[in-house]
Amino acid sequence: MKISIHRAATILAAIAINGVLTFGSFAGKTQKWEDVPEAVRKTILGNGGTEKSRVDLEGKRSDGKSVYEAEVKDKDGSIADLVITSNGKLVKTKHDDAADAAAEKAAGAKKKDILAGVKFSHPRDITNPFLPLASLKQDILEGTEDGKKVRIERTMKPDIHKTFQMGAQAVEALVMEDREFEDGELTEVTLDYFAQSDDGTVWYLGEDVDEYKDGKVSGHSGAWLYGKDTQTPGVILPGKPKVGDRFKSEDVSATISESDEVVSISETVKTPAGIYHDCVRVREALADGSIEFKCYAKGVGVVQEQVPPDGDVLLKSHTTTAAK
């Protein structure tokens, strides 16, 4: 649902590549086994790993070569991380000590508390006044970003069903497709997953991403799913937003993270689709340190997306259908 979260990830990766190699916990992008270099796969298989081992491409280099981290089981059954360069060289084997393991366990428990007491009786009935996705058919937004003409075709996909296990609840998400174009060329198609809890909060459960170049899929940067890549669901908008509300729409990794804050509930936004009053304005702090803004109009949803200093994308048309 965000225009430039993938751009943010690219910037962070570039910073890491130009820096000094350091070893820490997983902070890269998870790779499909078939996309991992053969030399790296051989090293993984030769050191306790399997084709099901998690492999991350890290945002750093060693001796000019890309670095991968793979999670494997040692002979004693403990979990270890193999640090391997793209030519198959095993650089380091890392083990979490007891303190690290305890800290990670505590952090995981703290993150799960976000769902304490939250109920999802009708998760696909998203009727939040400022984001009524259940009645949306399609939004078209147009504007400019980074000097390019941007068009977003935002279409609800009620026939697509995806279920997430949130605590003891099986939550079925409402699915929205974003098709993004730059200067008339398709650059990305994303399926976003949302659910509304009984208090009206709209939760963000992840996104499947296809990046395009010259009409062909070129990557999947920024993709994530709750329950797979993170145990912390995102919040897109509270049920009754007020100035000062703070939440995270993404809390996945060092490169996929966004902290949000409601900074106004009285914005007036002029768009090609109309003039909207008393809009909710949300400040978004992205992983790379950049700041963006979104404005939500009552009964409509997103009517403006701003990327300072001069990026501005506005609602051009808004069509609805009977809520299901």
C-alpha atoms as a PDB file:
ATOM      1  CA  MET A   1       0.000   0.000   0.000  1.00  0.00           C
ATOM      2  CA  LYS A   2       3.041   2.204   0.190  1.00  0.00           C
ATOM      3  CA  ILE A   3       4.657   3.724  -2.869  1.00  0.00           C
ATOM      4  CA  SER A   4       8.299   3.794  -1.850  1.00  0.00           C
ATOM      5  CA  ILE A   5       8.978   1.203   0.844  1.00  0.00           C
ATOM      6  CA  HIS A   6      10.866  -0.844  -1.782  1.00  0.00           C
ATOM      7  CA  ARG A   7      12.900   2.221  -2.747  1.00  0.00           C
ATOM      8  CA  ALA A   8      13.790   2.582   0.936  1.00  0.00           C
ATOM      9  CA  ALA A   9      15.037  -1.008   1.057  1.00  0.00           C
ATOM     10  CA  THR A  10      17.251  -0.384  -1.972  1.00  0.00           C
ATOM     11  CA  ILE A  11      18.826   2.677  -0.343  1.00  0.00           C
ATOM     12  CA  LEU A  12      19.600   0.762   2.832  1.00  0.00           C
ATOM     13  CA  ALA A  13      21.169  -2.080   0.880  1.00  0.00           C
ATOM     14  CA  ALA A  14      23.407   0.365  -0.985  1.00  0.00           C
ATOM     15  CA  ILE A  15      24.582   1.886   2.303  1.00  0.00           C
ATOM     16  CA  ALA A  16      25.407  -1.540   3.684  1.00  0.00           C
ATOM     17  CA  ILE A  17      27.340  -2.594   0.583  1.00  0.00           C
ATOM     18  CA  ASN A  18      29.595   0.459   0.809  1.00  0.00           C
ATOM     19  CA  GLY A  19      30.225  -0.031   4.517  1.00  0.00           C
ATOM     20  CA  VAL A  20      32.304  -2.400   6.599  1.00  0.00           C
ATOM     21  CA  LEU A  21      31.194  -6.010   6.855  1.00  0.00           C
ATOM     22  CA  THR A  22      29.805  -6.836  10.274  1.00  0.00           C
ATOM     23  CA  PHE A  23      28.134  -9.963  11.515  1.00  0.00           C
ATOM     24  CA  GLY A  24      24.802  -9.899  13.319  1.00  0.00           C
ATOM     25  CA  SER A  25      21.361 -11.445  13.200  1.00  0.00           C
ATOM     26  CA  PHE A  26      19.388 -11.932   9.987  1.00  0.00           C
ATOM     27  CA  ALA A  27      18.684  -8.577   8.339  1.00  0.00           C
ATOM     28  CA  GLY A  28      18.715  -9.517   4.660  1.00  0.00           C
ATOM     29  CA  LYS A  29      16.175 -10.771   2.165  1.00  0.00           C
ATOM     30  CA  THR A  30      15.115 -14.381   2.269  1.00  0.00           C
ATOM     31  CA  GLN A  31      15.979 -16.254  -0.932  1.00  0.00           C
ATOM     32  CA  LYS A  32      14.316 -19.124  -2.742  1.00  0.00           C
ATOM     33  CA  TRP A  33      16.586 -22.180  -2.724  1.00  0.00           C
ATOM     34  CA  GLU A  34      16.815 -22.209  -6.528  1.00  0.00           C
ATOM     35  CA  ASP A  35      17.984 -18.567  -6.518  1.00  0.00           C
ATOM     36  CA  VAL A  36      20.918 -19.270  -4.172  1.00  0.00           C
ATOM     37  CA  PRO A  37      24.300 -19.683  -5.978  1.00  0.00           C
ATOM     38  CA  GLU A  38      25.280 -23.335  -6.421  1.00  0.00           C
ATOM     39  CA  ALA A  39      28.529 -22.849  -4.493  1.00  0.00           C
ATOM     40  CA  VAL A  40      26.590 -21.485  -1.523  1.00  0.00           C
ATOM     41  CA  ARG A  41      24.108 -24.357  -1.657  1.00  0.00           C
ATOM     42  CA  LYS A  42      26.929 -26.910  -1.579  1.00  0.00           C
ATOM     43  CA  THR A  43      28.420 -25.285   1.518  1.00  0.00           C
ATOM     44  CA  ILE A  44      25.032 -25.272   3.246  1.00  0.00           C
ATOM     45  CA  LEU A  45      24.386 -28.933   2.439  1.00  0.00           C
ATOM     46  CA  GLY A  46      27.865 -29.844   3.623  1.00  0.00           C
ATOM     47  CA  ASN A  47      27.403 -28.150   6.983  1.00  0.00           C
ATOM     48  CA  GLY A  48      24.136 -29.520   8.312  1.00  0.00           C
ATOM     49  CA  GLY A  49      21.716 -27.630   6.089  1.00  0.00           C
ATOM     50  CA  THR A  50      18.999 -28.850   3.751  1.00  0.00           C
ATOM     51  CA  GLU A  51      17.054 -27.467   0.799  1.00  0.00           C
ATOM     52  CA  LYS A  52      14.537 -26.211   3.354  1.00  0.00           C
ATOM     53  CA  SER A  53      17.114 -24.170   5.260  1.00  0.00           C
ATOM     54  CA  ARG A  54      16.393 -20.457   5.473  1.00  0.00           C
ATOM     55  CA  VAL A  55      18.889 -18.493   3.378  1.00  0.00           C
ATOM     56  CA  ASP A  56      19.170 -14.691   3.449  1.00  0.00           C
ATOM     57  CA  LEU A  57      21.081 -12.459   1.037  1.00  0.00           C
ATOM     58  CA  GLU A  58      22.662  -9.880   3.318  1.00  0.00           C
ATOM     59  CA  GLY A  59      23.099  -6.193   2.512  1.00  0.00           C
ATOM     60  CA  LYS A  60      26.880  -6.344   2.838  1.00  0.00           C
ATOM     61  CA  ARG A  61      29.922  -7.716   1.022  1.00  0.00           C
ATOM     62  CA  SER A  62      33.144  -9.515   1.934  1.00  0.00           C
ATOM     63  CA  ASP A  63      36.194  -9.254  -0.338  1.00  0.00           C
ATOM     64  CA  GLY A  64      33.885  -7.811  -2.984  1.00  0.00           C
ATOM     65  CA  LYS A  65      31.525 -10.793  -2.884  1.00  0.00           C
ATOM     66  CA  SER A  66      27.888 -11.014  -1.815  1.00  0.00           C
ATOM     67  CA  VAL A  67      27.237 -12.527   1.604  1.00  0.00           C
ATOM     68  CA  TYR A  68      24.595 -15.122   2.467  1.00  0.00           C
ATOM     69  CA  GLU A  69      23.460 -16.358   5.863  1.00  0.00           C
ATOM     70  CA  ALA A  70      21.908 -19.798   6.265  1.00  0.00           C
ATOM     71  CA  GLU A  71      20.211 -21.244   9.318  1.00  0.00           C
ATOM     72  CA  VAL A  72      21.255 -24.854  10.004  1.00  0.00           C
ATOM     73  CA  LYS A  73      21.289 -27.402  12.826  1.00  0.00           C
ATOM     74  CA  ASP A  74      24.567 -28.358  14.442  1.00  0.00           C
ATOM     75  CA  LYS A  75      25.374 -31.976  15.347  1.00  0.00           C
ATOM     76  CA  ASP A  76      24.165 -31.308  18.904  1.00  0.00           C
ATOM     77  CA  GLY A  77      20.820 -30.099  17.570  1.00  0.00           C
ATOM     78  CA  SER A  78      21.443 -26.417  18.306  1.00  0.00           C
ATOM     79  CA  ILE A  79      20.738 -23.729  15.707  1.00  0.00           C
ATOM     80  CA  ALA A  80      23.658 -22.037  13.973  1.00  0.00           C
ATOM     81  CA  ASP A  81      23.978 -19.399  11.265  1.00  0.00           C
ATOM     82  CA  LEU A  82      26.462 -19.984   8.455  1.00  0.00           C
ATOM     83  CA  VAL A  83      27.985 -16.857   6.932  1.00  0.00           C
ATOM     84  CA  ILE A  84      28.962 -17.722   3.342  1.00  0.00           C
ATOM     85  CA  THR A  85      30.268 -15.637   0.448  1.00  0.00           C
ATOM     86  CA  SER A  86      28.854 -16.122  -3.054  1.00  0.00           C
ATOM     87  CA  ASN A  87      31.822 -18.318  -4.073  1.00  0.00           C
ATOM     88  CA  GLY A  88      30.900 -20.833  -1.362  1.00  0.00           C
ATOM     89  CA  LYS A  89      33.507 -19.839   1.232  1.00  0.00           C
ATOM     90  CA  LEU A  90      32.336 -20.416   4.807  1.00  0.00           C
ATOM     91  CA  VAL A  91      33.400 -17.223   6.570  1.00  0.00           C
ATOM     92  CA  LYS A  92      31.939 -17.817   9.992  1.00  0.00           C
ATOM     93  CA  THR A  93      29.574 -20.026  11.985  1.00  0.00           C
ATOM     94  CA  LYS A  94      27.537 -18.104  14.552  1.00  0.00           C
ATOM     95  CA  HIS A  95      25.824 -19.453  17.652  1.00  0.00           C
ATOM     96  CA  ASP A  96      23.415 -17.537  19.860  1.00  0.00           C
ATOM     97  CA  ASP A  97      24.583 -17.563  23.446  1.00  0.00           C
ATOM     98  CA  ALA A  98      22.123 -17.996  26.282  1.00  0.00           C
ATOM     99  CA  ALA A  99      21.717 -14.261  26.831  1.00  0.00           C
ATOM    100  CA  ASP A 100      20.964 -13.621  23.163  1.00  0.00           C
ATOM    101  CA  ALA A 101      18.500 -16.496  23.058  1.00  0.00           C
ATOM    102  CA  ALA A 102      16.717 -15.215  26.169  1.00  0.00           C
ATOM    103  CA  ALA A 103      16.558 -11.698  24.743  1.00  0.00           C
ATOM    104  CA  GLU A 104      15.133 -12.945  21.463  1.00  0.00           C
ATOM    105  CA  LYS A 105      12.529 -15.016  23.308  1.00  0.00           C
ATOM    106  CA  ALA A 106      11.509 -12.020  25.429  1.00  0.00           C
ATOM    107  CA  ALA A 107      11.311  -9.765  22.377  1.00  0.00           C
ATOM    108  CA  GLY A 108       9.128 -12.299  20.601  1.00  0.00           C
ATOM    109  CA  ALA A 109       6.790 -12.537  23.591  1.00  0.00           C
ATOM    110  CA  LYS A 110       6.542  -8.747  23.783  1.00  0.00           C
ATOM    111  CA  LYS A 111       5.604  -8.497  20.111  1.00  0.00           C
ATOM    112  CA  LYS A 112       2.864 -11.082  20.494  1.00  0.00           C
ATOM    113  CA  ASP A 113       1.242  -8.966  23.215  1.00  0.00           C
ATOM    114  CA  ILE A 114      -0.025  -6.591  20.520  1.00  0.00           C
ATOM    115  CA  LEU A 115      -2.842  -9.079  19.867  1.00  0.00           C
ATOM    116  CA  ALA A 116      -3.782  -9.584  23.519  1.00  0.00           C
ATOM    117  CA  GLY A 117      -7.547  -9.141  23.833  1.00  0.00           C
ATOM    118  CA  VAL A 118      -7.979  -8.352  20.120  1.00  0.00           C
ATOM    119  CA  LYS A 119     -10.917 -10.093  18.420  1.00  0.00           C
ATOM    120  CA  PHE A 120     -11.649 -10.561  14.734  1.00  0.00           C
ATOM    121  CA  SER A 121     -15.347 -11.487  14.444  1.00  0.00           C
ATOM    122  CA  HIS A 122     -15.741 -10.259  10.847  1.00  0.00           C
ATOM    123  CA  PRO A 123     -12.201  -9.445   9.624  1.00  0.00           C
ATOM    124  CA  ARG A 124     -13.115  -8.896   5.953  1.00  0.00           C
ATOM    125  CA  ASP A 125     -15.862  -6.408   6.815  1.00  0.00           C
ATOM    126  CA  ILE A 126     -13.503  -3.452   6.816  1.00  0.00           C
ATOM    127  CA  THR A 127     -15.782  -0.521   7.623  1.00  0.00           C
ATOM    128  CA  ASN A 128     -13.333   1.841   9.338  1.00  0.00           C
ATOM    129  CA  PRO A 129     -14.758   5.327   8.511  1.00  0.00           C
ATOM    130  CA  PHE A 130     -11.436   6.479   7.060  1.00  0.00           C
ATOM    131  CA  LEU A 131     -10.578   3.242   5.251  1.00  0.00           C
ATOM    132  CA  PRO A 132     -13.840   1.493   4.218  1.00  0.00           C
ATOM    133  CA  LEU A 133     -12.246  -1.164   2.042  1.00  0.00           C
ATOM    134  CA  ALA A 134     -15.265  -3.479   2.141  1.00  0.00           C
ATOM    135  CA  SER A 135     -17.210  -1.073  -0.079  1.00  0.00           C
ATOM    136  CA  LEU A 136     -14.314  -0.086  -2.358  1.00  0.00           C
ATOM    137  CA  LYS A 137     -14.249  -1.276  -5.949  1.00  0.00           C
ATOM    138  CA  GLN A 138     -11.321   0.719  -7.326  1.00  0.00           C
ATOM    139  CA  ASP A 139      -9.297   3.860  -6.656  1.00  0.00           C
ATOM    140  CA  ILE A 140      -7.070   5.532  -9.230  1.00  0.00           C
ATOM    141  CA  LEU A 141      -4.346   7.857  -7.955  1.00  0.00           C
ATOM    142  CA  GLU A 142      -2.027   9.921 -10.134  1.00  0.00           C
ATOM    143  CA  GLY A 143       0.802  12.359  -9.554  1.00  0.00           C
ATOM    144  CA  THR A 144       4.572  12.603  -9.577  1.00  0.00           C
ATOM    145  CA  GLU A 145       7.414  11.107  -7.573  1.00  0.00           C
ATOM    146  CA  ASP A 146      11.157  11.511  -8.168  1.00  0.00           C
ATOM    147  CA  GLY A 147      10.343  13.450 -11.320  1.00  0.00           C
ATOM    148  CA  LYS A 148       8.306  10.612 -12.810  1.00  0.00           C
ATOM    149  CA  LYS A 149       4.600  10.420 -13.558  1.00  0.00           C
ATOM    150  CA  VAL A 150       3.026   7.923 -11.175  1.00  0.00           C
ATOM    151  CA  ARG A 151      -0.271   6.079 -11.546  1.00  0.00           C
ATOM    152  CA  ILE A 152      -1.684   3.634  -9.010  1.00  0.00           C
ATOM    153  CA  GLU A 153      -4.616   1.380  -9.826  1.00  0.00           C
ATOM    154  CA  ARG A 154      -5.923   0.158  -6.477  1.00  0.00           C
ATOM    155  CA  THR A 155      -8.511  -2.622  -6.920  1.00  0.00           C
ATOM    156  CA  MET A 156     -10.217  -4.786  -4.326  1.00  0.00           C
ATOM    157  CA  LYS A 157     -10.098  -8.553  -4.955  1.00  0.00           C
ATOM    158  CA  PRO A 158     -12.968 -10.010  -2.872  1.00  0.00           C
ATOM    159  CA  ASP A 159     -12.753 -13.353  -4.669  1.00  0.00           C
ATOM    160  CA  ILE A 160      -9.215 -13.953  -3.366  1.00  0.00           C
ATOM    161  CA  HIS A 161      -9.149 -15.532   0.077  1.00  0.00           C
ATOM    162  CA  LYS A 162      -6.131 -15.863   2.373  1.00  0.00           C
ATOM    163  CA  THR A 163      -6.216 -16.942   6.009  1.00  0.00           C
ATOM    164  CA  PHE A 164      -3.744 -15.995   8.743  1.00  0.00           C
ATOM    165  CA  GLN A 165      -3.444 -17.655  12.148  1.00  0.00           C
ATOM    166  CA  MET A 166      -3.454 -14.835  14.709  1.00  0.00           C
ATOM    167  CA  GLY A 167      -3.146 -16.367  18.137  1.00  0.00           C
ATOM    168  CA  ALA A 168      -6.045 -18.800  18.526  1.00  0.00           C
ATOM    169  CA  GLN A 169      -8.004 -17.102  15.735  1.00  0.00           C
ATOM    170  CA  ALA A 170      -8.034 -17.998  12.047  1.00  0.00           C
ATOM    171  CA  VAL A 171      -8.364 -14.596  10.377  1.00  0.00           C
ATOM    172  CA  GLU A 172      -9.409 -14.314   6.745  1.00  0.00           C
ATOM    173  CA  ALA A 173      -7.947 -11.229   5.076  1.00  0.00           C
ATOM    174  CA  LEU A 174      -9.468  -8.871   2.537  1.00  0.00           C
ATOM    175  CA  VAL A 175      -7.182  -8.579  -0.471  1.00  0.00           C
ATOM    176  CA  MET A 176      -6.322  -5.467  -2.463  1.00  0.00           C
ATOM    177  CA  GLU A 177      -4.232  -5.273  -5.630  1.00  0.00           C
ATOM    178  CA  ASP A 178      -1.993  -2.282  -6.339  1.00  0.00           C
ATOM    179  CA  ARG A 179      -0.703  -1.846  -9.871  1.00  0.00           C
ATOM    180  CA  GLU A 180       1.935   0.906 -10.013  1.00  0.00           C
ATOM    181  CA  PHE A 181       3.130   2.642 -13.164  1.00  0.00           C
ATOM    182  CA  GLU A 182       5.987   5.098 -13.697  1.00  0.00           C
ATOM    183  CA  ASP A 183       5.930   7.166 -16.899  1.00  0.00           C
ATOM    184  CA  GLY A 184       3.367   4.722 -18.273  1.00  0.00           C
ATOM    185  CA  GLU A 185       5.423   1.588 -17.599  1.00  0.00           C
ATOM    186  CA  LEU A 186       4.262  -1.079 -15.152  1.00  0.00           C
ATOM    187  CA  THR A 187       6.781  -1.264 -12.296  1.00  0.00           C
ATOM    188  CA  GLU A 188       5.037  -3.262  -9.584  1.00  0.00           C
ATOM    189  CA  VAL A 189       1.994  -5.401  -8.813  1.00  0.00           C
ATOM    190  CA  THR A 190       1.264  -6.018  -5.142  1.00  0.00           C
ATOM    191  CA  LEU A 191      -1.379  -7.998  -3.293  1.00  0.00           C
ATOM    192  CA  ASP A 192      -1.946  -6.419   0.141  1.00  0.00           C
ATOM    193  CA  TYR A 193      -3.694  -8.283   2.974  1.00  0.00           C
ATOM    194  CA  PHE A 194      -5.909  -6.469   5.483  1.00  0.00           C
ATOM    195  CA  ALA A 195      -8.222  -7.388   8.357  1.00  0.00           C
ATOM    196  CA  GLN A 196     -10.365  -5.348  10.740  1.00  0.00           C
ATOM    197  CA  SER A 197     -10.648  -6.169  14.431  1.00  0.00           C
ATOM    198  CA  ASP A 198     -13.830  -5.601  16.392  1.00  0.00           C
ATOM    199  CA  ASP A 199     -12.661  -2.191  17.646  1.00  0.00           C
ATOM    200  CA  GLY A 200     -12.409  -0.897  14.058  1.00  0.00           C
ATOM    201  CA  THR A 201      -8.616  -1.052  13.764  1.00  0.00           C
ATOM    202  CA  VAL A 202      -7.402  -2.001  10.281  1.00  0.00           C
ATOM    203  CA  TRP A 203      -4.489  -4.441  10.444  1.00  0.00           C
ATOM    204  CA  TYR A 204      -1.881  -5.032   7.745  1.00  0.00           C
ATOM    205  CA  LEU A 205      -0.902  -8.697   7.380  1.00  0.00           C
ATOM    206  CA  GLY A 206       1.607  -8.481   4.555  1.00  0.00           C
ATOM    207  CA  GLU A 207       2.096  -8.186   0.835  1.00  0.00           C
ATOM    208  CA  ASP A 208       3.059 -10.359  -2.113  1.00  0.00           C
ATOM    209  CA  VAL A 209       5.161  -8.291  -4.508  1.00  0.00           C
ATOM    210  CA  ASP A 210       6.057  -8.648  -8.180  1.00  0.00           C
ATOM    211  CA  GLU A 211       8.447  -6.009  -9.475  1.00  0.00           C
ATOM    212  CA  TYR A 212       8.490  -5.445 -13.224  1.00  0.00           C
ATOM    213  CA  LYS A 213      11.079  -4.290 -15.725  1.00  0.00           C
ATOM    214  CA  ASP A 214      10.473  -4.195 -19.474  1.00  0.00           C
ATOM    215  CA  GLY A 215       7.188  -6.029 -18.974  1.00  0.00           C
ATOM    216  CA  LYS A 216       8.688  -8.969 -17.071  1.00  0.00           C
ATOM    217  CA  VAL A 217       8.864  -9.841 -13.376  1.00  0.00           C
ATOM    218  CA  SER A 218      12.293  -8.780 -12.113  1.00  0.00           C
ATOM    219  CA  GLY A 219      12.072  -9.277  -8.355  1.00  0.00           C
ATOM    220  CA  HIS A 220       9.980  -9.400  -5.204  1.00  0.00           C
ATOM    221  CA  SER A 221      11.639  -6.789  -2.970  1.00  0.00           C
ATOM    222  CA  GLY A 222       9.701  -5.810   0.134  1.00  0.00           C
ATOM    223  CA  ALA A 223       7.414  -8.856   0.186  1.00  0.00           C
ATOM    224  CA  TRP A 224       6.446 -10.188   3.632  1.00  0.00           C
ATOM    225  CA  LEU A 225       3.690 -12.105   5.371  1.00  0.00           C
ATOM    226  CA  TYR A 226       2.566 -12.174   8.982  1.00  0.00           C
ATOM    227  CA  GLY A 227       3.311 -15.548  10.554  1.00  0.00           C
ATOM    228  CA  LYS A 228       6.104 -16.250   8.075  1.00  0.00           C
ATOM    229  CA  ASP A 229       8.466 -13.284   8.051  1.00  0.00           C
ATOM    230  CA  THR A 230       7.321 -11.630  11.283  1.00  0.00           C
ATOM    231  CA  GLN A 231       5.172 -12.416  14.306  1.00  0.00           C
ATOM    232  CA  THR A 232       4.050  -8.790  14.535  1.00  0.00           C
ATOM    233  CA  PRO A 233       1.083  -7.703  12.406  1.00  0.00           C
ATOM    234  CA  GLY A 234       1.030  -4.122  11.180  1.00  0.00           C
ATOM    235  CA  VAL A 235      -1.588  -1.490  11.938  1.00  0.00           C
ATOM    236  CA  ILE A 236      -2.707   0.674   9.031  1.00  0.00           C
ATOM    237  CA  LEU A 237      -5.224   2.828  10.915  1.00  0.00           C
ATOM    238  CA  PRO A 238      -6.794   2.819  14.399  1.00  0.00           C
ATOM    239  CA  GLY A 239     -10.557   2.451  14.728  1.00  0.00           C
ATOM    240  CA  LYS A 240     -10.926   6.022  16.016  1.00  0.00           C
ATOM    241  CA  PRO A 241      -7.771   7.891  14.955  1.00  0.00           C
ATOM    242  CA  LYS A 242      -6.753  10.899  16.996  1.00  0.00           C
ATOM    243  CA  VAL A 243      -3.746  13.214  16.938  1.00  0.00           C
ATOM    244  CA  GLY A 244      -0.787  11.584  18.645  1.00  0.00           C
ATOM    245  CA  ASP A 245      -1.747   7.983  17.880  1.00  0.00           C
ATOM    246  CA  ARG A 246       1.392   5.991  17.080  1.00  0.00           C
ATOM    247  CA  PHE A 247       1.609   2.559  15.473  1.00  0.00           C
ATOM    248  CA  LYS A 248       3.731   0.484  13.095  1.00  0.00           C
ATOM    249  CA  SER A 249       2.311  -0.587   9.759  1.00  0.00           C
ATOM    250  CA  GLU A 250       5.359  -2.800   9.147  1.00  0.00           C
ATOM    251  CA  ASP A 251       7.667  -4.386  11.713  1.00  0.00           C
ATOM    252  CA  VAL A 252       9.494  -7.078   9.791  1.00  0.00           C
ATOM    253  CA  SER A 253      13.233  -6.384   9.480  1.00  0.00           C
ATOM    254  CA  ALA A 254      15.845  -3.655   9.284  1.00  0.00           C
ATOM    255  CA  THR A 255      14.790  -2.885   5.709  1.00  0.00           C
ATOM    256  CA  ILE A 256      11.036  -3.490   6.026  1.00  0.00           C
ATOM    257  CA  SER A 257       9.869  -1.239   8.821  1.00  0.00           C
ATOM    258  CA  GLU A 258       7.572   1.756   9.128  1.00  0.00           C
ATOM    259  CA  SER A 259       6.570   3.825  12.161  1.00  0.00           C
ATOM    260  CA  ASP A 260       3.428   5.940  11.791  1.00  0.00           C
ATOM    261  CA  GLU A 261       1.818   8.798  13.684  1.00  0.00           C
ATOM    262  CA  VAL A 262      -1.478  10.642  13.271  1.00  0.00           C
ATOM    263  CA  VAL A 263      -0.483  14.323  12.997  1.00  0.00           C
ATOM    264  CA  SER A 264      -3.832  15.870  12.053  1.00  0.00           C
ATOM    265  CA  ILE A 265      -7.533  15.028  11.830  1.00  0.00           C
ATOM    266  CA  SER A 266      -8.586  18.290  10.168  1.00  0.00           C
ATOM    267  CA  GLU A 267      -6.766  18.344   6.823  1.00  0.00           C
ATOM    268  CA  THR A 268      -8.423  19.645   3.650  1.00  0.00           C
ATOM    269  CA  VAL A 269      -7.208  17.912   0.500  1.00  0.00           C
ATOM    270  CA  LYS A 270      -8.016  19.027  -3.040  1.00  0.00           C
ATOM    271  CA  THR A 271      -7.856  16.224  -5.608  1.00  0.00           C
ATOM    272  CA  PRO A 272      -9.139  15.619  -9.152  1.00  0.00           C
ATOM    273  CA  ALA A 273     -11.816  13.416  -7.573  1.00  0.00           C
ATOM    274  CA  GLY A 274     -13.053  16.180  -5.277  1.00  0.00           C
ATOM    275  CA  ILE A 275     -12.312  18.265  -2.198  1.00  0.00           C
ATOM    276  CA  TYR A 276     -12.166  16.371   1.099  1.00  0.00           C
ATOM    277  CA  HIS A 277     -12.398  17.990   4.529  1.00  0.00           C
ATOM    278  CA  ASP A 278     -11.422  16.779   8.004  1.00  0.00           C
ATOM    279  CA  CYS A 279      -8.999  14.205   6.634  1.00  0.00           C
ATOM    280  CA  VAL A 280      -6.690  12.158   8.847  1.00  0.00           C
ATOM    281  CA  ARG A 281      -3.042  12.892   8.039  1.00  0.00           C
ATOM    282  CA  VAL A 282      -0.509  10.188   8.934  1.00  0.00           C
ATOM    283  CA  ARG A 283       3.244  10.727   9.093  1.00  0.00           C
ATOM    284  CA  GLU A 284       5.200   7.647   7.984  1.00  0.00           C
ATOM    285  CA  ALA A 285       8.840   7.156   9.022  1.00  0.00           C
ATOM    286  CA  LEU A 286      10.446   4.584   6.723  1.00  0.00           C
ATOM    287  CA  ALA A 287      13.367   2.261   7.409  1.00  0.00           C
ATOM    288  CA  ASP A 288      15.837   4.452   5.502  1.00  0.00           C
ATOM    289  CA  GLY A 289      14.974   7.509   7.608  1.00  0.00           C
ATOM    290  CA  SER A 290      12.841   9.204   4.969  1.00  0.00           C
ATOM    291  CA  ILE A 291       9.406  10.630   5.781  1.00  0.00           C
ATOM    292  CA  GLU A 292       6.173  10.293   3.810  1.00  0.00           C
ATOM    293  CA  PHE A 293       2.571  11.288   4.447  1.00  0.00           C
ATOM    294  CA  LYS A 294      -0.872   9.870   3.696  1.00  0.00           C
ATOM    295  CA  CYS A 295      -4.256  11.552   4.002  1.00  0.00           C
ATOM    296  CA  TYR A 296      -7.431   9.534   4.603  1.00  0.00           C
ATOM    297  CA  ALA A 297     -10.877  10.989   3.862  1.00  0.00           C
ATOM    298  CA  LYS A 298     -13.980   9.835   5.713  1.00  0.00           C
ATOM    299  CA  GLY A 299     -16.060   7.447   3.639  1.00  0.00           C
ATOM    300  CA  VAL A 300     -13.347   7.199   0.964  1.00  0.00           C
ATOM    301  CA  GLY A 301      -9.907   6.115   2.170  1.00  0.00           C
ATOM    302  CA  VAL A 302      -6.545   7.305   0.865  1.00  0.00           C
ATOM    303  CA  VAL A 303      -6.877  10.545  -1.113  1.00  0.00           C
ATOM    304  CA  GLN A 304      -3.267  11.746  -1.058  1.00  0.00           C
ATOM    305  CA  GLU A 305       0.210  10.228  -0.787  1.00  0.00           C
ATOM    306  CA  GLN A 306       3.134  12.635  -0.392  1.00  0.00           C
ATOM    307  CA  VAL A 307       6.843  11.930  -0.715  1.00  0.00           C
ATOM    308  CA  PRO A 308       8.767  15.105   0.259  1.00  0.00           C
ATOM    309  CA  PRO A 309      10.131  17.295  -1.103  1.00  0.00           C
ATOM    310  CA  ASP A 310       7.949  17.320  -4.222  1.00  0.00           C
ATOM    311  CA  GLY A 311       6.315  13.893  -4.637  1.00  0.00           C
ATOM    312  CA  ASP A 312       2.533  14.200  -4.602  1.00  0.00           C
ATOM    313  CA  VAL A 313       0.007  11.570  -5.708  1.00  0.00           C
ATOM    314  CA  LEU A 314      -3.714  12.403  -5.573  1.00  0.00           C
ATOM    315  CA  LEU A 315      -6.984  10.533  -5.913  1.00  0.00           C
ATOM    316  CA  LYS A 316      -8.304  10.802  -9.470  1.00  0.00           C
ATOM    317  CA  SER A 317     -11.337   8.520  -9.243  1.00  0.00           C
ATOM    318  CA  HIS A 318     -13.136   6.521  -6.571  1.00  0.00           C
ATOM    319  CA  THR A 319     -15.687   3.804  -7.320  1.00  0.00           C
ATOM    320  CA  THR A 320     -17.546   1.640  -4.821  1.00  0.00           C
ATOM    321  CA  THR A 321     -19.625  -1.475  -4.734  1.00  0.00           C
ATOM    322  CA  ALA A 322     -22.101  -2.971  -2.285  1.00  0.00           C
ATOM    323  CA  ALA A 323     -20.321  -4.139   0.846  1.00  0.00           C
ATOM    324  CA  LYS A 324     -20.089  -7.923   1.235  1.00  0.00           C
END
